[in-house]
Structures are given as structure tokens and as C-alpha cells.
Amino acid sequence: MSEQSRQPLVRRGEEIEYTNVGAADGMAKGVLVGPEQDAPNLAIRRFTLEPGATVPKHTNEIEHEQYVLAGEYVVGLGEEEFTVSEGDSLFIPAGVVHWYRNEGDEQGAFICAVPDGDDEIDLVE
């Protein structure tokens, strides 16, 4: 589809379907804008981390840019761990080992923008 034939889009929050992330315990993902909405270059996704949620160490084939919307949770990046909260931003280059852990009593949430394309996830033992 050519750039000129694409149409602008507004998606309402209630239109977004959330699904549980298979390898994670307590994480859900909703695609806000992506290939199914005819976006040619980027996908914007919203993730939630329930209290007690854990996401195992893994890598992705594509980079991730994230913005924390709510809550406070731990993000592991390489050999370091960081506690992040509302307003914090992250850049996770392709191939970097990362993981998540919500030790708090409130749900965490973040926006994740990724380039369009295959995003194979490899779990790290």
C-alpha cells in the first residue's frame, strides 16, 4: 500500500484487546497501533505488569523504546537492575538481555514502541 493511500486513524482505549504474554507470569499486551492498523514502520504497544508479575530473562531481535505509564517495577538490563516508575524512559537495543519484576502492590504499565518487522524472542537460561 502506498503512503498516499494510508488513512489517519484514532483508536479508542476500549478498542484495544489485551492478551497474556505467554512466557511471562502476570504480563498482558495490547497493540495500540501496528501493522493491523496499516502502520508501515512502527508498532506501539501497551503492557501491564500485575503485582507479583515476573518476565524471564530474554532477548529480542529488534530494539525497544519504552515509557513507564504507571506503577513501579524492576527492569533488568544486561547485568544491572533498575527500579523504574511513571515518567521514566528506556532504550533496549536489539539482542540485550532484559527482564521485568513487579514487587509492588500496584499494577505497572508501559508503552513500548518497536520497528515493524519480525521480533523473535529468545529466552535466556
C-alpha atoms as a PDB file:
ATOM      1  CA  MET A   1       0.000   0.000   0.000  1.00  0.00           C
ATOM      2  CA  SER A   2       1.406   3.390  -0.896  1.00  0.00           C
ATOM      3  CA  GLU A   3       1.997   6.098   1.699  1.00  0.00           C
ATOM      4  CA  GLN A   4      -0.598   8.293  -0.045  1.00  0.00           C
ATOM      5  CA  SER A   5      -3.356   5.670   0.238  1.00  0.00           C
ATOM      6  CA  ARG A   6      -2.974   5.226   4.007  1.00  0.00           C
ATOM      7  CA  GLN A   7      -5.634   6.830   6.164  1.00  0.00           C
ATOM      8  CA  PRO A   8      -5.197   8.590   9.511  1.00  0.00           C
ATOM      9  CA  LEU A   9      -6.530   6.665  12.491  1.00  0.00           C
ATOM     10  CA  VAL A  10      -7.784   7.290  16.000  1.00  0.00           C
ATOM     11  CA  ARG A  11      -8.216   4.209  18.208  1.00  0.00           C
ATOM     12  CA  ARG A  12     -10.147   4.489  21.441  1.00  0.00           C
ATOM     13  CA  GLY A  13      -8.820   2.800  24.572  1.00  0.00           C
ATOM     14  CA  GLU A  14     -11.830   0.492  24.806  1.00  0.00           C
ATOM     15  CA  GLU A  15     -10.990  -0.888  21.334  1.00  0.00           C
ATOM     16  CA  ILE A  16      -7.681  -2.374  22.479  1.00  0.00           C
ATOM     17  CA  GLU A  17      -7.652  -6.093  23.232  1.00  0.00           C
ATOM     18  CA  TYR A  18      -5.143  -7.304  25.813  1.00  0.00           C
ATOM     19  CA  THR A  19      -3.697 -10.793  25.773  1.00  0.00           C
ATOM     20  CA  ASN A  20      -1.488 -12.537  28.294  1.00  0.00           C
ATOM     21  CA  VAL A  21       2.164 -12.781  27.299  1.00  0.00           C
ATOM     22  CA  GLY A  22       2.935 -16.491  27.120  1.00  0.00           C
ATOM     23  CA  ALA A  23       6.391 -16.710  28.684  1.00  0.00           C
ATOM     24  CA  ALA A  24       5.589 -14.184  31.411  1.00  0.00           C
ATOM     25  CA  ASP A  25       3.608 -14.528  34.613  1.00  0.00           C
ATOM     26  CA  GLY A  26       1.253 -11.569  35.130  1.00  0.00           C
ATOM     27  CA  MET A  27       2.037  -9.547  31.987  1.00  0.00           C
ATOM     28  CA  ALA A  28      -0.504  -8.570  29.323  1.00  0.00           C
ATOM     29  CA  LYS A  29      -0.032  -6.803  25.965  1.00  0.00           C
ATOM     30  CA  GLY A  30      -2.306  -4.654  23.843  1.00  0.00           C
ATOM     31  CA  VAL A  31      -1.276  -3.424  20.389  1.00  0.00           C
ATOM     32  CA  LEU A  32      -2.328   0.221  20.163  1.00  0.00           C
ATOM     33  CA  VAL A  33      -1.112   0.837  16.613  1.00  0.00           C
ATOM     34  CA  GLY A  34       0.702  -1.601  14.378  1.00  0.00           C
ATOM     35  CA  PRO A  35       0.614  -3.468  11.075  1.00  0.00           C
ATOM     36  CA  GLU A  36      -3.057  -4.439  11.519  1.00  0.00           C
ATOM     37  CA  GLN A  37      -3.882  -0.731  11.629  1.00  0.00           C
ATOM     38  CA  ASP A  38      -1.874  -0.194   8.436  1.00  0.00           C
ATOM     39  CA  ALA A  39       1.096   1.446  10.223  1.00  0.00           C
ATOM     40  CA  PRO A  40       4.084   0.801   7.931  1.00  0.00           C
ATOM     41  CA  ASN A  41       7.109   1.465  10.157  1.00  0.00           C
ATOM     42  CA  LEU A  42       6.396   1.212  13.892  1.00  0.00           C
ATOM     43  CA  ALA A  43       4.206  -0.611  16.367  1.00  0.00           C
ATOM     44  CA  ILE A  44       3.126   0.975  19.639  1.00  0.00           C
ATOM     45  CA  ARG A  45       2.105  -1.453  22.349  1.00  0.00           C
ATOM     46  CA  ARG A  46       0.907  -1.095  25.951  1.00  0.00           C
ATOM     47  CA  PHE A  47       1.983  -3.662  28.524  1.00  0.00           C
ATOM     48  CA  THR A  48       0.688  -4.197  32.057  1.00  0.00           C
ATOM     49  CA  LEU A  49       2.523  -5.902  34.911  1.00  0.00           C
ATOM     50  CA  GLU A  50       0.290  -7.155  37.707  1.00  0.00           C
ATOM     51  CA  PRO A  51       1.612  -7.100  41.290  1.00  0.00           C
ATOM     52  CA  GLY A  52       3.987 -10.057  41.593  1.00  0.00           C
ATOM     53  CA  ALA A  53       4.463 -10.308  37.810  1.00  0.00           C
ATOM     54  CA  THR A  54       7.713 -11.768  36.511  1.00  0.00           C
ATOM     55  CA  VAL A  55       9.062 -11.797  32.971  1.00  0.00           C
ATOM     56  CA  PRO A  56      12.038 -14.119  32.416  1.00  0.00           C
ATOM     57  CA  LYS A  57      15.386 -13.034  31.003  1.00  0.00           C
ATOM     58  CA  HIS A  58      15.123 -12.788  27.238  1.00  0.00           C
ATOM     59  CA  THR A  59      16.398 -11.025  24.144  1.00  0.00           C
ATOM     60  CA  ASN A  60      14.576  -9.567  21.152  1.00  0.00           C
ATOM     61  CA  GLU A  61      15.755  -9.261  17.559  1.00  0.00           C
ATOM     62  CA  ILE A  62      14.604  -5.642  17.365  1.00  0.00           C
ATOM     63  CA  GLU A  63      15.162  -2.596  19.553  1.00  0.00           C
ATOM     64  CA  HIS A  64      12.566  -1.403  22.083  1.00  0.00           C
ATOM     65  CA  GLU A  65      11.827   2.105  23.328  1.00  0.00           C
ATOM     66  CA  GLN A  66       9.663   2.214  26.442  1.00  0.00           C
ATOM     67  CA  TYR A  67       7.887   4.841  28.520  1.00  0.00           C
ATOM     68  CA  VAL A  68       6.606   3.963  32.007  1.00  0.00           C
ATOM     69  CA  LEU A  69       2.963   4.995  32.466  1.00  0.00           C
ATOM     70  CA  ALA A  70       2.178   3.728  35.957  1.00  0.00           C
ATOM     71  CA  GLY A  71       3.434   1.807  38.952  1.00  0.00           C
ATOM     72  CA  GLU A  72       6.961   0.992  39.995  1.00  0.00           C
ATOM     73  CA  TYR A  73       8.790  -2.153  38.919  1.00  0.00           C
ATOM     74  CA  VAL A  74      12.261  -3.573  38.368  1.00  0.00           C
ATOM     75  CA  VAL A  75      13.803  -3.847  34.911  1.00  0.00           C
ATOM     76  CA  GLY A  76      16.940  -5.859  34.370  1.00  0.00           C
ATOM     77  CA  LEU A  77      19.194  -4.689  31.542  1.00  0.00           C
ATOM     78  CA  GLY A  78      22.284  -6.768  30.906  1.00  0.00           C
ATOM     79  CA  GLU A  79      23.948  -7.197  34.302  1.00  0.00           C
ATOM     80  CA  GLU A  80      22.142  -4.310  36.041  1.00  0.00           C
ATOM     81  CA  GLU A  81      18.728  -3.856  37.631  1.00  0.00           C
ATOM     82  CA  PHE A  82      16.839  -0.560  37.726  1.00  0.00           C
ATOM     83  CA  THR A  83      13.682   0.426  39.583  1.00  0.00           C
ATOM     84  CA  VAL A  84      11.540   2.474  37.200  1.00  0.00           C
ATOM     85  CA  SER A  85       8.350   4.465  37.736  1.00  0.00           C
ATOM     86  CA  GLU A  86       5.942   6.795  35.950  1.00  0.00           C
ATOM     87  CA  GLY A  87       7.717   9.158  33.554  1.00  0.00           C
ATOM     88  CA  ASP A  88      10.887   7.053  33.139  1.00  0.00           C
ATOM     89  CA  SER A  89      12.067   6.021  29.656  1.00  0.00           C
ATOM     90  CA  LEU A  90      14.149   3.068  28.480  1.00  0.00           C
ATOM     91  CA  PHE A  91      16.058   2.127  25.356  1.00  0.00           C
ATOM     92  CA  ILE A  92      16.720  -1.589  24.949  1.00  0.00           C
ATOM     93  CA  PRO A  93      18.960  -2.312  21.939  1.00  0.00           C
ATOM     94  CA  ALA A  94      18.342  -5.466  19.911  1.00  0.00           C
ATOM     95  CA  GLY A  95      19.986  -8.508  21.487  1.00  0.00           C
ATOM     96  CA  VAL A  96      20.316  -7.083  25.026  1.00  0.00           C
ATOM     97  CA  VAL A  97      19.202  -9.465  27.790  1.00  0.00           C
ATOM     98  CA  HIS A  98      16.350  -7.927  29.815  1.00  0.00           C
ATOM     99  CA  TRP A  99      13.617  -8.933  32.272  1.00  0.00           C
ATOM    100  CA  TYR A 100      10.900  -7.426  34.485  1.00  0.00           C
ATOM    101  CA  ARG A 101       9.664  -7.943  38.041  1.00  0.00           C
ATOM    102  CA  ASN A 102       6.818  -6.105  39.783  1.00  0.00           C
ATOM    103  CA  GLU A 103       7.463  -6.358  43.516  1.00  0.00           C
ATOM    104  CA  GLY A 104       4.891  -3.690  44.401  1.00  0.00           C
ATOM    105  CA  ASP A 105       1.203  -3.745  45.275  1.00  0.00           C
ATOM    106  CA  GLU A 106       0.097  -1.739  42.225  1.00  0.00           C
ATOM    107  CA  GLN A 107      -0.115  -2.614  38.561  1.00  0.00           C
ATOM    108  CA  GLY A 108       2.740  -1.334  36.417  1.00  0.00           C
ATOM    109  CA  ALA A 109       2.181  -0.211  32.829  1.00  0.00           C
ATOM    110  CA  PHE A 110       4.383   0.951  29.994  1.00  0.00           C
ATOM    111  CA  ILE A 111       4.246   1.906  26.335  1.00  0.00           C
ATOM    112  CA  CYS A 112       6.669   0.093  24.055  1.00  0.00           C
ATOM    113  CA  ALA A 113       7.489   1.306  20.533  1.00  0.00           C
ATOM    114  CA  VAL A 114       9.246  -1.068  18.154  1.00  0.00           C
ATOM    115  CA  PRO A 115      10.154  -1.004  14.465  1.00  0.00           C
ATOM    116  CA  ASP A 116       7.851  -3.037  12.258  1.00  0.00           C
ATOM    117  CA  GLY A 117       9.130  -6.499  11.414  1.00  0.00           C
ATOM    118  CA  ASP A 118       9.816  -9.877  12.936  1.00  0.00           C
ATOM    119  CA  ASP A 119      10.594  -9.798  16.641  1.00  0.00           C
ATOM    120  CA  GLU A 120      11.779 -13.218  17.656  1.00  0.00           C
ATOM    121  CA  ILE A 121      12.071 -13.589  21.422  1.00  0.00           C
ATOM    122  CA  ASP A 122      14.743 -15.868  22.839  1.00  0.00           C
ATOM    123  CA  LEU A 123      14.515 -16.901  26.496  1.00  0.00           C
ATOM    124  CA  VAL A 124      17.832 -16.878  28.341  1.00  0.00           C
ATOM    125  CA  GLU A 125      18.507 -19.694  30.791  1.00  0.00           C
END
